[in-house]
C-alpha atoms as a PDB file:
ATOM      1  CA  MET A   1       6.253 -38.117 -39.384  1.00  0.00           C
ATOM      2  CA  THR A   2       8.105 -37.686 -36.170  1.00  0.00           C
ATOM      3  CA  ASP A   3      11.310 -35.772 -35.742  1.00  0.00           C
ATOM      4  CA  SER A   4      14.355 -37.870 -35.194  1.00  0.00           C
ATOM      5  CA  PRO A   5      16.216 -37.327 -31.894  1.00  0.00           C
ATOM      6  CA  ALA A   6      19.084 -35.685 -33.780  1.00  0.00           C
ATOM      7  CA  GLU A   7      16.771 -32.971 -35.152  1.00  0.00           C
ATOM      8  CA  THR A   8      14.975 -32.220 -31.865  1.00  0.00           C
ATOM      9  CA  PRO A   9      16.573 -29.353 -29.940  1.00  0.00           C
ATOM     10  CA  ALA A  10      17.879 -30.143 -26.482  1.00  0.00           C
ATOM     11  CA  PHE A  11      15.507 -29.495 -23.595  1.00  0.00           C
ATOM     12  CA  ASP A  12      16.238 -26.183 -21.842  1.00  0.00           C
ATOM     13  CA  PRO A  13      14.483 -25.917 -18.452  1.00  0.00           C
ATOM     14  CA  PHE A  14      15.056 -22.136 -18.433  1.00  0.00           C
ATOM     15  CA  ALA A  15      13.438 -21.439 -21.814  1.00  0.00           C
ATOM     16  CA  PHE A  16      10.079 -20.148 -20.577  1.00  0.00           C
ATOM     17  CA  PRO A  17       7.519 -18.769 -23.046  1.00  0.00           C
ATOM     18  CA  SER A  18       7.752 -14.968 -23.215  1.00  0.00           C
ATOM     19  CA  ASP A  19       4.031 -14.499 -22.467  1.00  0.00           C
ATOM     20  CA  LEU A  20       4.432 -16.540 -19.273  1.00  0.00           C
ATOM     21  CA  VAL A  21       7.444 -14.462 -18.197  1.00  0.00           C
ATOM     22  CA  LYS A  22       5.497 -11.255 -18.914  1.00  0.00           C
ATOM     23  CA  ALA A  23       2.440 -12.450 -16.958  1.00  0.00           C
ATOM     24  CA  HIS A  24       4.609 -13.430 -13.988  1.00  0.00           C
ATOM     25  CA  SER A  25       6.316 -10.048 -14.068  1.00  0.00           C
ATOM     26  CA  GLU A  26       2.977  -8.223 -14.138  1.00  0.00           C
ATOM     27  CA  ALA A  27       1.693 -10.326 -11.229  1.00  0.00           C
ATOM     28  CA  ALA A  28       4.802  -9.506  -9.172  1.00  0.00           C
ATOM     29  CA  GLU A  29       4.365  -5.783  -9.912  1.00  0.00           C
ATOM     30  CA  ALA A  30       0.675  -5.926  -8.921  1.00  0.00           C
ATOM     31  CA  ARG A  31       1.541  -7.709  -5.673  1.00  0.00           C
ATOM     32  CA  ALA A  32       4.195  -5.116  -4.836  1.00  0.00           C
ATOM     33  CA  GLU A  33       1.729  -2.306  -5.573  1.00  0.00           C
ATOM     34  CA  LEU A  34      -0.860  -3.987  -3.335  1.00  0.00           C
ATOM     35  CA  HIS A  35       1.640  -4.215  -0.459  1.00  0.00           C
ATOM     36  CA  ARG A  36       2.586  -0.531  -0.883  1.00  0.00           C
ATOM     37  CA  TYR A  37      -1.112   0.389  -0.757  1.00  0.00           C
ATOM     38  CA  GLN A  38      -1.807  -1.841   2.260  1.00  0.00           C
ATOM     39  CA  ALA A  39       1.039  -0.149   4.172  1.00  0.00           C
ATOM     40  CA  THR A  40      -0.895   3.143   3.981  1.00  0.00           C
ATOM     41  CA  LEU A  41      -4.086   1.697   5.507  1.00  0.00           C
ATOM     42  CA  PRO A  42      -4.902   1.553   9.238  1.00  0.00           C
ATOM     43  CA  TRP A  43      -4.837  -1.915  10.781  1.00  0.00           C
ATOM     44  CA  SER A  44      -8.535  -1.668  11.625  1.00  0.00           C
ATOM     45  CA  ARG A  45     -11.370  -0.267   9.549  1.00  0.00           C
ATOM     46  CA  GLU A  46     -13.122   1.162  12.618  1.00  0.00           C
ATOM     47  CA  PRO A  47     -10.646   1.943  15.416  1.00  0.00           C
ATOM     48  CA  HIS A  48     -11.993   1.368  18.915  1.00  0.00           C
ATOM     49  CA  ASP A  49     -10.662   1.261  22.451  1.00  0.00           C
ATOM     50  CA  GLY A  50     -10.892  -2.510  22.698  1.00  0.00           C
ATOM     51  CA  TRP A  51     -12.526  -4.512  25.425  1.00  0.00           C
ATOM     52  CA  GLU A  52     -11.902  -5.225  29.065  1.00  0.00           C
ATOM     53  CA  ALA A  53     -10.939  -8.724  30.091  1.00  0.00           C
ATOM     54  CA  PRO A  54     -13.438 -10.403  32.442  1.00  0.00           C
ATOM     55  CA  GLU A  55     -12.514 -10.350  36.096  1.00  0.00           C
ATOM     56  CA  GLN A  56     -10.414 -13.340  37.154  1.00  0.00           C
ATOM     57  CA  THR A  57     -12.331 -15.417  39.722  1.00  0.00           C
ATOM     58  CA  GLY A  58      -9.786 -18.116  40.406  1.00  0.00           C
ATOM     59  CA  GLY A  59     -11.501 -20.895  38.458  1.00  0.00           C
ATOM     60  CA  MET A  60     -14.982 -21.165  39.970  1.00  0.00           C
END
């Protein structure tokens, strides 16, 4: 048997399952922790002086 429309609760777009809310919260915390960790790292794994640009010859 199917429920009649009068017995079916109204659709609530904000009624998310609690396990989904918990998983999203944990993912946001992990991402924030990752960003805090990344802020402590140097921008390059092996710092170096860089490279010199080739001499400009005027096109030819």
